[in-house]
Amino acid sequence: MARPAKIACKPLTDERWVDFCAVMGPAGGCWGCWCQYWRAPRKDFTGPARKTFKARMRAIVRKGPPPGLIAYRGGEPVGWIQAGPRAATPNWNGARRLSAPIDDAEADDPSIWAVSCFVVPSAHRQSGVATALLGGAVAFARKNRARFLDACPVETARGAANPASIYHGVASMFERAGFAVIARRRDDRPLMRLDLRS
Protein backbone atom coordinates (compact mmCIF):
# COMPACT_ATOMS: atom_id res chain seq x y z
CA MET A 1 0.00 0.00 0.00
CA ALA A 2 1.43 3.37 -1.04
CA ARG A 3 2.12 5.88 1.71
CA PRO A 4 0.35 9.25 1.32
CA ALA A 5 2.47 12.02 -0.13
CA LYS A 6 4.19 14.33 2.33
CA ILE A 7 2.44 17.62 3.10
CA ALA A 8 4.39 20.80 2.33
CA CYS A 9 3.35 24.22 3.67
CA LYS A 10 4.13 27.37 1.69
CA PRO A 11 3.43 31.07 2.35
CA LEU A 12 0.38 32.52 0.61
CA THR A 13 1.89 34.87 -1.96
CA ASP A 14 0.16 36.32 -5.01
CA GLU A 15 1.32 33.51 -7.28
CA ARG A 16 -0.46 31.04 -4.97
CA TRP A 17 -3.76 32.95 -4.93
CA VAL A 18 -5.46 30.38 -7.20
CA ASP A 19 -4.47 27.65 -4.74
CA PHE A 20 -5.95 29.64 -1.85
CA CYS A 21 -9.21 29.96 -3.82
CA ALA A 22 -9.21 26.21 -4.44
CA VAL A 23 -8.97 25.55 -0.68
CA MET A 24 -11.69 28.10 0.11
CA GLY A 25 -14.01 26.70 -2.55
CA PRO A 26 -16.77 28.64 -4.31
CA ALA A 27 -18.39 29.54 -0.98
CA GLY A 28 -15.25 31.29 0.29
CA GLY A 29 -14.44 29.12 3.31
CA CYS A 30 -16.39 29.31 6.57
CA TRP A 31 -19.57 31.32 6.05
CA GLY A 32 -18.11 32.91 2.93
CA CYS A 33 -15.73 35.05 4.95
CA TRP A 34 -12.61 34.60 2.75
CA CYS A 35 -10.64 34.74 6.01
CA GLN A 36 -11.95 38.20 6.89
CA TYR A 37 -13.78 37.13 10.05
CA TRP A 38 -10.91 38.28 12.28
CA ARG A 39 -10.06 41.28 10.08
CA ALA A 40 -13.21 43.06 8.85
CA PRO A 41 -15.45 45.31 10.97
CA ARG A 42 -18.47 43.37 12.27
CA LYS A 43 -20.88 45.71 10.47
CA ASP A 44 -19.46 44.49 7.15
CA PHE A 45 -20.80 40.98 7.72
CA THR A 46 -24.30 42.13 6.90
CA GLY A 47 -25.25 43.89 3.71
CA PRO A 48 -23.32 44.49 0.49
CA ALA A 49 -19.88 44.94 2.10
CA ARG A 50 -19.72 41.17 2.55
CA LYS A 51 -19.36 40.80 -1.21
CA THR A 52 -16.00 42.60 -1.04
CA PHE A 53 -14.30 40.05 1.24
CA LYS A 54 -12.60 38.08 -1.53
CA ALA A 55 -11.19 41.27 -3.05
CA ARG A 56 -10.03 42.45 0.39
CA MET A 57 -8.14 39.22 0.97
CA ARG A 58 -6.60 39.45 -2.49
CA ALA A 59 -5.36 42.97 -1.67
CA ILE A 60 -3.83 41.73 1.60
CA VAL A 61 -2.01 38.95 -0.24
CA ARG A 62 -0.77 41.28 -2.97
CA LYS A 63 0.50 43.83 -0.47
CA GLY A 64 2.21 41.23 1.74
CA PRO A 65 3.63 39.97 3.95
CA PRO A 66 1.99 36.55 3.52
CA PRO A 67 -1.00 36.26 5.90
CA GLY A 68 -0.61 32.51 6.33
CA LEU A 69 0.26 29.22 4.66
CA ILE A 70 -1.21 26.86 2.08
CA ALA A 71 -0.73 23.12 2.59
CA TYR A 72 0.05 20.97 -0.46
CA ARG A 73 -0.03 17.22 -0.85
CA GLY A 74 1.45 15.96 -4.07
CA GLY A 75 1.15 19.46 -5.52
CA GLU A 76 -2.56 19.74 -4.70
CA PRO A 77 -3.63 22.53 -2.30
CA VAL A 78 -5.32 20.81 0.66
CA GLY A 79 -5.52 23.38 3.48
CA TRP A 80 -4.97 26.89 4.81
CA ILE A 81 -3.85 28.40 8.10
CA GLN A 82 -3.99 32.10 8.95
CA ALA A 83 -0.88 33.00 10.96
CA GLY A 84 0.83 36.30 11.58
CA PRO A 85 1.28 39.11 14.10
CA ARG A 86 -1.65 39.53 16.49
CA ALA A 87 -2.29 43.06 15.25
CA ALA A 88 -2.99 41.77 11.73
CA THR A 89 -6.23 40.19 12.98
CA PRO A 90 -7.78 42.96 15.10
CA ASN A 91 -11.00 41.10 15.88
CA TRP A 92 -9.06 38.06 17.18
CA ASN A 93 -6.78 40.42 19.08
CA GLY A 94 -9.65 42.43 20.61
CA ALA A 95 -9.82 43.04 24.35
CA ARG A 96 -13.27 41.41 24.71
CA ARG A 97 -12.34 38.20 22.89
CA LEU A 98 -11.50 34.84 24.42
CA SER A 99 -8.27 35.22 22.43
CA ALA A 100 -7.41 38.66 23.85
CA PRO A 101 -3.77 39.18 24.86
CA ILE A 102 -2.94 38.56 28.51
CA ASP A 103 -1.28 41.98 28.69
CA ASP A 104 -2.50 45.09 26.83
CA ALA A 105 1.03 45.81 25.61
CA GLU A 106 1.06 42.51 23.70
CA ALA A 107 -1.77 43.59 21.39
CA ASP A 108 0.53 45.68 19.19
CA ASP A 109 3.78 43.77 19.71
CA PRO A 110 4.89 42.59 16.24
CA SER A 111 6.87 39.73 17.77
CA ILE A 112 3.73 38.09 19.23
CA TRP A 113 2.00 36.08 16.54
CA ALA A 114 -1.28 34.18 16.41
CA VAL A 115 -2.83 31.23 14.64
CA SER A 116 -6.43 32.34 14.17
CA CYS A 117 -8.04 29.85 11.78
CA PHE A 118 -7.74 26.71 9.69
CA VAL A 119 -9.58 25.70 6.53
CA VAL A 120 -9.30 22.09 5.39
CA PRO A 121 -11.75 20.93 2.70
CA SER A 122 -13.82 17.93 3.78
CA ALA A 123 -12.07 15.58 1.33
CA HIS A 124 -8.75 16.15 3.13
CA ARG A 125 -9.78 16.08 6.79
CA GLN A 126 -8.54 13.46 9.25
CA SER A 127 -5.38 13.01 7.17
CA GLY A 128 -2.81 15.13 9.02
CA VAL A 129 -3.35 18.39 7.13
CA ALA A 130 -4.15 20.54 10.17
CA THR A 131 -1.18 19.13 12.10
CA ALA A 132 1.12 19.85 9.16
CA LEU A 133 -0.27 23.38 8.88
CA LEU A 134 0.36 24.03 12.57
CA GLY A 135 3.94 22.78 12.22
CA GLY A 136 4.36 25.01 9.19
CA ALA A 137 3.01 28.01 11.12
CA VAL A 138 5.49 27.41 13.95
CA ALA A 139 8.38 27.33 11.47
CA PHE A 140 7.00 30.39 9.63
CA ALA A 141 6.72 32.38 12.89
CA ARG A 142 10.26 31.39 13.91
CA LYS A 143 11.63 32.39 10.50
CA ASN A 144 10.01 35.81 10.97
CA ARG A 145 11.55 36.18 14.45
CA ALA A 146 8.35 35.94 16.45
CA ARG A 147 8.88 35.45 20.20
CA PHE A 148 5.53 33.81 20.90
CA LEU A 149 2.81 32.10 18.89
CA ASP A 150 -0.68 32.23 20.43
CA ALA A 151 -3.86 30.29 19.68
CA CYS A 152 -7.34 29.89 21.15
CA PRO A 153 -8.42 26.41 20.05
CA VAL A 154 -11.40 24.25 21.00
CA GLU A 155 -10.98 21.98 24.03
CA THR A 156 -12.73 18.81 22.84
CA ALA A 157 -11.80 16.90 26.00
CA ARG A 158 -14.25 19.08 27.95
CA GLY A 159 -17.30 18.09 25.91
CA ALA A 160 -18.55 17.66 22.39
CA ALA A 161 -17.15 20.40 20.18
CA ASN A 162 -19.45 22.29 17.88
CA PRO A 163 -18.25 21.35 14.38
CA ALA A 164 -18.65 24.99 13.33
CA SER A 165 -15.97 25.99 15.86
CA ILE A 166 -13.26 23.55 14.73
CA TYR A 167 -11.79 26.22 12.45
CA HIS A 168 -10.03 27.47 15.61
CA GLY A 169 -8.12 24.18 15.78
CA VAL A 170 -8.26 21.54 18.50
CA ALA A 171 -6.44 22.07 21.81
CA SER A 172 -4.92 18.57 21.90
CA MET A 173 -3.14 19.24 18.59
CA PHE A 174 -1.62 22.45 19.98
CA GLU A 175 -0.61 20.66 23.17
CA ARG A 176 1.24 18.01 21.15
CA ALA A 177 3.07 20.83 19.36
CA GLY A 178 4.33 22.20 22.68
CA PHE A 179 1.78 24.95 23.35
CA ALA A 180 0.84 25.63 26.98
CA VAL A 181 -2.34 27.16 28.42
CA ILE A 182 -1.77 30.75 29.57
CA ALA A 183 -5.42 31.74 30.22
CA ARG A 184 -8.85 30.13 30.19
CA ARG A 185 -11.67 32.62 29.85
CA ARG A 186 -14.18 29.95 28.93
CA ASP A 187 -14.01 26.32 29.92
CA ASP A 188 -13.77 24.94 26.38
CA ARG A 189 -11.51 27.60 24.82
CA PRO A 190 -8.01 27.88 26.36
CA LEU A 191 -5.66 30.62 25.26
CA MET A 192 -2.46 28.76 24.44
CA ARG A 193 1.09 29.91 23.71
CA LEU A 194 4.29 28.49 22.27
CA ASP A 195 7.53 30.16 23.34
CA LEU A 196 9.69 30.40 20.21
CA ARG A 197 12.76 31.90 21.89
CA SER A 198 14.49 28.61 22.62
C-alpha atoms as a PDB file:
ATOM      1  CA  MET A   1       0.000   0.000   0.000  1.00  0.00           C
ATOM      2  CA  ALA A   2       1.429   3.370  -1.036  1.00  0.00           C
ATOM      3  CA  ARG A   3       2.123   5.876   1.709  1.00  0.00           C
ATOM      4  CA  PRO A   4       0.354   9.248   1.321  1.00  0.00           C
ATOM      5  CA  ALA A   5       2.471  12.018  -0.127  1.00  0.00           C
ATOM      6  CA  LYS A   6       4.187  14.334   2.326  1.00  0.00           C
ATOM      7  CA  ILE A   7       2.442  17.624   3.100  1.00  0.00           C
ATOM      8  CA  ALA A   8       4.393  20.805   2.326  1.00  0.00           C
ATOM      9  CA  CYS A   9       3.346  24.223   3.666  1.00  0.00           C
ATOM     10  CA  LYS A  10       4.126  27.373   1.692  1.00  0.00           C
ATOM     11  CA  PRO A  11       3.427  31.069   2.355  1.00  0.00           C
ATOM     12  CA  LEU A  12       0.383  32.522   0.614  1.00  0.00           C
ATOM     13  CA  THR A  13       1.886  34.871  -1.955  1.00  0.00           C
ATOM     14  CA  ASP A  14       0.163  36.317  -5.008  1.00  0.00           C
ATOM     15  CA  GLU A  15       1.320  33.506  -7.279  1.00  0.00           C
ATOM     16  CA  ARG A  16      -0.464  31.036  -4.971  1.00  0.00           C
ATOM     17  CA  TRP A  17      -3.761  32.948  -4.935  1.00  0.00           C
ATOM     18  CA  VAL A  18      -5.459  30.379  -7.199  1.00  0.00           C
ATOM     19  CA  ASP A  19      -4.472  27.647  -4.737  1.00  0.00           C
ATOM     20  CA  PHE A  20      -5.951  29.641  -1.848  1.00  0.00           C
ATOM     21  CA  CYS A  21      -9.211  29.962  -3.816  1.00  0.00           C
ATOM     22  CA  ALA A  22      -9.206  26.209  -4.436  1.00  0.00           C
ATOM     23  CA  VAL A  23      -8.968  25.548  -0.682  1.00  0.00           C
ATOM     24  CA  MET A  24     -11.690  28.103   0.109  1.00  0.00           C
ATOM     25  CA  GLY A  25     -14.007  26.701  -2.546  1.00  0.00           C
ATOM     26  CA  PRO A  26     -16.770  28.638  -4.313  1.00  0.00           C
ATOM     27  CA  ALA A  27     -18.394  29.542  -0.980  1.00  0.00           C
ATOM     28  CA  GLY A  28     -15.245  31.289   0.286  1.00  0.00           C
ATOM     29  CA  GLY A  29     -14.443  29.118   3.313  1.00  0.00           C
ATOM     30  CA  CYS A  30     -16.387  29.306   6.569  1.00  0.00           C
ATOM     31  CA  TRP A  31     -19.573  31.315   6.053  1.00  0.00           C
ATOM     32  CA  GLY A  32     -18.112  32.911   2.927  1.00  0.00           C
ATOM     33  CA  CYS A  33     -15.728  35.050   4.949  1.00  0.00           C
ATOM     34  CA  TRP A  34     -12.614  34.601   2.752  1.00  0.00           C
ATOM     35  CA  CYS A  35     -10.637  34.740   6.013  1.00  0.00           C
ATOM     36  CA  GLN A  36     -11.950  38.202   6.886  1.00  0.00           C
ATOM     37  CA  TYR A  37     -13.776  37.133  10.054  1.00  0.00           C
ATOM     38  CA  TRP A  38     -10.912  38.277  12.283  1.00  0.00           C
ATOM     39  CA  ARG A  39     -10.061  41.284  10.080  1.00  0.00           C
ATOM     40  CA  ALA A  40     -13.207  43.060   8.853  1.00  0.00           C
ATOM     41  CA  PRO A  41     -15.453  45.307  10.970  1.00  0.00           C
ATOM     42  CA  ARG A  42     -18.470  43.365  12.271  1.00  0.00           C
ATOM     43  CA  LYS A  43     -20.877  45.709  10.468  1.00  0.00           C
ATOM     44  CA  ASP A  44     -19.457  44.489   7.149  1.00  0.00           C
ATOM     45  CA  PHE A  45     -20.797  40.984   7.721  1.00  0.00           C
ATOM     46  CA  THR A  46     -24.305  42.135   6.897  1.00  0.00           C
ATOM     47  CA  GLY A  47     -25.255  43.885   3.708  1.00  0.00           C
ATOM     48  CA  PRO A  48     -23.319  44.495   0.491  1.00  0.00           C
ATOM     49  CA  ALA A  49     -19.880  44.940   2.102  1.00  0.00           C
ATOM     50  CA  ARG A  50     -19.718  41.167   2.552  1.00  0.00           C
ATOM     51  CA  LYS A  51     -19.358  40.804  -1.213  1.00  0.00           C
ATOM     52  CA  THR A  52     -15.999  42.598  -1.041  1.00  0.00           C
ATOM     53  CA  PHE A  53     -14.301  40.046   1.243  1.00  0.00           C
ATOM     54  CA  LYS A  54     -12.598  38.076  -1.529  1.00  0.00           C
ATOM     55  CA  ALA A  55     -11.190  41.269  -3.047  1.00  0.00           C
ATOM     56  CA  ARG A  56     -10.027  42.446   0.395  1.00  0.00           C
ATOM     57  CA  MET A  57      -8.140  39.218   0.966  1.00  0.00           C
ATOM     58  CA  ARG A  58      -6.601  39.449  -2.493  1.00  0.00           C
ATOM     59  CA  ALA A  59      -5.360  42.967  -1.667  1.00  0.00           C
ATOM     60  CA  ILE A  60      -3.825  41.729   1.603  1.00  0.00           C
ATOM     61  CA  VAL A  61      -2.014  38.949  -0.236  1.00  0.00           C
ATOM     62  CA  ARG A  62      -0.772  41.278  -2.972  1.00  0.00           C
ATOM     63  CA  LYS A  63       0.499  43.831  -0.473  1.00  0.00           C
ATOM     64  CA  GLY A  64       2.213  41.234   1.739  1.00  0.00           C
ATOM     65  CA  PRO A  65       3.634  39.970   3.948  1.00  0.00           C
ATOM     66  CA  PRO A  66       1.985  36.552   3.521  1.00  0.00           C
ATOM     67  CA  PRO A  67      -1.005  36.256   5.902  1.00  0.00           C
ATOM     68  CA  GLY A  68      -0.606  32.514   6.327  1.00  0.00           C
ATOM     69  CA  LEU A  69       0.256  29.221   4.661  1.00  0.00           C
ATOM     70  CA  ILE A  70      -1.212  26.864   2.083  1.00  0.00           C
ATOM     71  CA  ALA A  71      -0.730  23.116   2.588  1.00  0.00           C
ATOM     72  CA  TYR A  72       0.053  20.970  -0.460  1.00  0.00           C
ATOM     73  CA  ARG A  73      -0.035  17.219  -0.847  1.00  0.00           C
ATOM     74  CA  GLY A  74       1.454  15.957  -4.074  1.00  0.00           C
ATOM     75  CA  GLY A  75       1.154  19.457  -5.519  1.00  0.00           C
ATOM     76  CA  GLU A  76      -2.558  19.738  -4.698  1.00  0.00           C
ATOM     77  CA  PRO A  77      -3.634  22.533  -2.301  1.00  0.00           C
ATOM     78  CA  VAL A  78      -5.321  20.815   0.661  1.00  0.00           C
ATOM     79  CA  GLY A  79      -5.518  23.383   3.476  1.00  0.00           C
ATOM     80  CA  TRP A  80      -4.970  26.887   4.806  1.00  0.00           C
ATOM     81  CA  ILE A  81      -3.854  28.402   8.100  1.00  0.00           C
ATOM     82  CA  GLN A  82      -3.990  32.096   8.950  1.00  0.00           C
ATOM     83  CA  ALA A  83      -0.884  32.998  10.956  1.00  0.00           C
ATOM     84  CA  GLY A  84       0.828  36.304  11.577  1.00  0.00           C
ATOM     85  CA  PRO A  85       1.279  39.107  14.100  1.00  0.00           C
ATOM     86  CA  ARG A  86      -1.648  39.526  16.493  1.00  0.00           C
ATOM     87  CA  ALA A  87      -2.288  43.063  15.252  1.00  0.00           C
ATOM     88  CA  ALA A  88      -2.990  41.768  11.726  1.00  0.00           C
ATOM     89  CA  THR A  89      -6.229  40.194  12.977  1.00  0.00           C
ATOM     90  CA  PRO A  90      -7.782  42.957  15.101  1.00  0.00           C
ATOM     91  CA  ASN A  91     -10.999  41.096  15.883  1.00  0.00           C
ATOM     92  CA  TRP A  92      -9.062  38.064  17.179  1.00  0.00           C
ATOM     93  CA  ASN A  93      -6.776  40.420  19.077  1.00  0.00           C
ATOM     94  CA  GLY A  94      -9.648  42.428  20.609  1.00  0.00           C
ATOM     95  CA  ALA A  95      -9.818  43.041  24.355  1.00  0.00           C
ATOM     96  CA  ARG A  96     -13.269  41.405  24.709  1.00  0.00           C
ATOM     97  CA  ARG A  97     -12.341  38.205  22.894  1.00  0.00           C
ATOM     98  CA  LEU A  98     -11.495  34.835  24.422  1.00  0.00           C
ATOM     99  CA  SER A  99      -8.267  35.216  22.428  1.00  0.00           C
ATOM    100  CA  ALA A 100      -7.413  38.664  23.847  1.00  0.00           C
ATOM    101  CA  PRO A 101      -3.768  39.181  24.860  1.00  0.00           C
ATOM    102  CA  ILE A 102      -2.945  38.558  28.509  1.00  0.00           C
ATOM    103  CA  ASP A 103      -1.282  41.979  28.692  1.00  0.00           C
ATOM    104  CA  ASP A 104      -2.504  45.086  26.831  1.00  0.00           C
ATOM    105  CA  ALA A 105       1.025  45.808  25.605  1.00  0.00           C
ATOM    106  CA  GLU A 106       1.059  42.512  23.701  1.00  0.00           C
ATOM    107  CA  ALA A 107      -1.772  43.590  21.385  1.00  0.00           C
ATOM    108  CA  ASP A 108       0.529  45.676  19.187  1.00  0.00           C
ATOM    109  CA  ASP A 109       3.780  43.771  19.714  1.00  0.00           C
ATOM    110  CA  PRO A 110       4.886  42.588  16.240  1.00  0.00           C
ATOM    111  CA  SER A 111       6.867  39.729  17.771  1.00  0.00           C
ATOM    112  CA  ILE A 112       3.727  38.095  19.227  1.00  0.00           C
ATOM    113  CA  TRP A 113       2.002  36.077  16.542  1.00  0.00           C
ATOM    114  CA  ALA A 114      -1.277  34.179  16.414  1.00  0.00           C
ATOM    115  CA  VAL A 115      -2.832  31.232  14.644  1.00  0.00           C
ATOM    116  CA  SER A 116      -6.427  32.341  14.167  1.00  0.00           C
ATOM    117  CA  CYS A 117      -8.041  29.848  11.782  1.00  0.00           C
ATOM    118  CA  PHE A 118      -7.738  26.706   9.691  1.00  0.00           C
ATOM    119  CA  VAL A 119      -9.582  25.703   6.534  1.00  0.00           C
ATOM    120  CA  VAL A 120      -9.297  22.088   5.395  1.00  0.00           C
ATOM    121  CA  PRO A 121     -11.754  20.932   2.700  1.00  0.00           C
ATOM    122  CA  SER A 122     -13.818  17.927   3.784  1.00  0.00           C
ATOM    123  CA  ALA A 123     -12.071  15.579   1.332  1.00  0.00           C
ATOM    124  CA  HIS A 124      -8.748  16.150   3.134  1.00  0.00           C
ATOM    125  CA  ARG A 125      -9.780  16.084   6.791  1.00  0.00           C
ATOM    126  CA  GLN A 126      -8.535  13.460   9.254  1.00  0.00           C
ATOM    127  CA  SER A 127      -5.375  13.006   7.170  1.00  0.00           C
ATOM    128  CA  GLY A 128      -2.809  15.128   9.022  1.00  0.00           C
ATOM    129  CA  VAL A 129      -3.345  18.385   7.125  1.00  0.00           C
ATOM    130  CA  ALA A 130      -4.147  20.544  10.175  1.00  0.00           C
ATOM    131  CA  THR A 131      -1.183  19.132  12.100  1.00  0.00           C
ATOM    132  CA  ALA A 132       1.120  19.848   9.160  1.00  0.00           C
ATOM    133  CA  LEU A 133      -0.270  23.384   8.882  1.00  0.00           C
ATOM    134  CA  LEU A 134       0.362  24.032  12.565  1.00  0.00           C
ATOM    135  CA  GLY A 135       3.941  22.779  12.219  1.00  0.00           C
ATOM    136  CA  GLY A 136       4.360  25.007   9.193  1.00  0.00           C
ATOM    137  CA  ALA A 137       3.011  28.012  11.122  1.00  0.00           C
ATOM    138  CA  VAL A 138       5.489  27.407  13.947  1.00  0.00           C
ATOM    139  CA  ALA A 139       8.377  27.334  11.466  1.00  0.00           C
ATOM    140  CA  PHE A 140       6.995  30.387   9.634  1.00  0.00           C
ATOM    141  CA  ALA A 141       6.724  32.382  12.887  1.00  0.00           C
ATOM    142  CA  ARG A 142      10.256  31.393  13.908  1.00  0.00           C
ATOM    143  CA  LYS A 143      11.628  32.391  10.503  1.00  0.00           C
ATOM    144  CA  ASN A 144      10.008  35.806  10.970  1.00  0.00           C
ATOM    145  CA  ARG A 145      11.554  36.183  14.451  1.00  0.00           C
ATOM    146  CA  ALA A 146       8.354  35.944  16.454  1.00  0.00           C
ATOM    147  CA  ARG A 147       8.876  35.451  20.198  1.00  0.00           C
ATOM    148  CA  PHE A 148       5.525  33.806  20.903  1.00  0.00           C
ATOM    149  CA  LEU A 149       2.807  32.095  18.895  1.00  0.00           C
ATOM    150  CA  ASP A 150      -0.679  32.227  20.427  1.00  0.00           C
ATOM    151  CA  ALA A 151      -3.861  30.287  19.676  1.00  0.00           C
ATOM    152  CA  CYS A 152      -7.338  29.892  21.148  1.00  0.00           C
ATOM    153  CA  PRO A 153      -8.420  26.414  20.051  1.00  0.00           C
ATOM    154  CA  VAL A 154     -11.398  24.247  21.002  1.00  0.00           C
ATOM    155  CA  GLU A 155     -10.984  21.980  24.030  1.00  0.00           C
ATOM    156  CA  THR A 156     -12.730  18.815  22.838  1.00  0.00           C
ATOM    157  CA  ALA A 157     -11.797  16.896  26.004  1.00  0.00           C
ATOM    158  CA  ARG A 158     -14.255  19.078  27.949  1.00  0.00           C
ATOM    159  CA  GLY A 159     -17.296  18.087  25.913  1.00  0.00           C
ATOM    160  CA  ALA A 160     -18.551  17.660  22.390  1.00  0.00           C
ATOM    161  CA  ALA A 161     -17.145  20.401  20.180  1.00  0.00           C
ATOM    162  CA  ASN A 162     -19.449  22.285  17.881  1.00  0.00           C
ATOM    163  CA  PRO A 163     -18.255  21.349  14.376  1.00  0.00           C
ATOM    164  CA  ALA A 164     -18.653  24.992  13.335  1.00  0.00           C
ATOM    165  CA  SER A 165     -15.969  25.993  15.856  1.00  0.00           C
ATOM    166  CA  ILE A 166     -13.261  23.554  14.735  1.00  0.00           C
ATOM    167  CA  TYR A 167     -11.786  26.224  12.452  1.00  0.00           C
ATOM    168  CA  HIS A 168     -10.032  27.473  15.614  1.00  0.00           C
ATOM    169  CA  GLY A 169      -8.115  24.185  15.782  1.00  0.00           C
ATOM    170  CA  VAL A 170      -8.264  21.539  18.502  1.00  0.00           C
ATOM    171  CA  ALA A 171      -6.443  22.072  21.808  1.00  0.00           C
ATOM    172  CA  SER A 172      -4.916  18.574  21.901  1.00  0.00           C
ATOM    173  CA  MET A 173      -3.141  19.241  18.588  1.00  0.00           C
ATOM    174  CA  PHE A 174      -1.623  22.452  19.977  1.00  0.00           C
ATOM    175  CA  GLU A 175      -0.613  20.659  23.168  1.00  0.00           C
ATOM    176  CA  ARG A 176       1.239  18.008  21.145  1.00  0.00           C
ATOM    177  CA  ALA A 177       3.072  20.826  19.355  1.00  0.00           C
ATOM    178  CA  GLY A 178       4.330  22.200  22.684  1.00  0.00           C
ATOM    179  CA  PHE A 179       1.782  24.951  23.347  1.00  0.00           C
ATOM    180  CA  ALA A 180       0.838  25.625  26.978  1.00  0.00           C
ATOM    181  CA  VAL A 181      -2.341  27.159  28.420  1.00  0.00           C
ATOM    182  CA  ILE A 182      -1.773  30.752  29.568  1.00  0.00           C
ATOM    183  CA  ALA A 183      -5.415  31.735  30.216  1.00  0.00           C
ATOM    184  CA  ARG A 184      -8.848  30.127  30.187  1.00  0.00           C
ATOM    185  CA  ARG A 185     -11.672  32.621  29.847  1.00  0.00           C
ATOM    186  CA  ARG A 186     -14.181  29.948  28.929  1.00  0.00           C
ATOM    187  CA  ASP A 187     -14.007  26.316  29.920  1.00  0.00           C
ATOM    188  CA  ASP A 188     -13.773  24.941  26.384  1.00  0.00           C
ATOM    189  CA  ARG A 189     -11.506  27.603  24.822  1.00  0.00           C
ATOM    190  CA  PRO A 190      -8.014  27.883  26.356  1.00  0.00           C
ATOM    191  CA  LEU A 191      -5.660  30.618  25.259  1.00  0.00           C
ATOM    192  CA  MET A 192      -2.456  28.765  24.436  1.00  0.00           C
ATOM    193  CA  ARG A 193       1.090  29.912  23.709  1.00  0.00           C
ATOM    194  CA  LEU A 194       4.287  28.490  22.269  1.00  0.00           C
ATOM    195  CA  ASP A 195       7.535  30.164  23.340  1.00  0.00           C
ATOM    196  CA  LEU A 196       9.691  30.404  20.211  1.00  0.00           C
ATOM    197  CA  ARG A 197      12.764  31.905  21.887  1.00  0.00           C
ATOM    198  CA  SER A 198      14.487  28.606  22.620  1.00  0.00           C
END
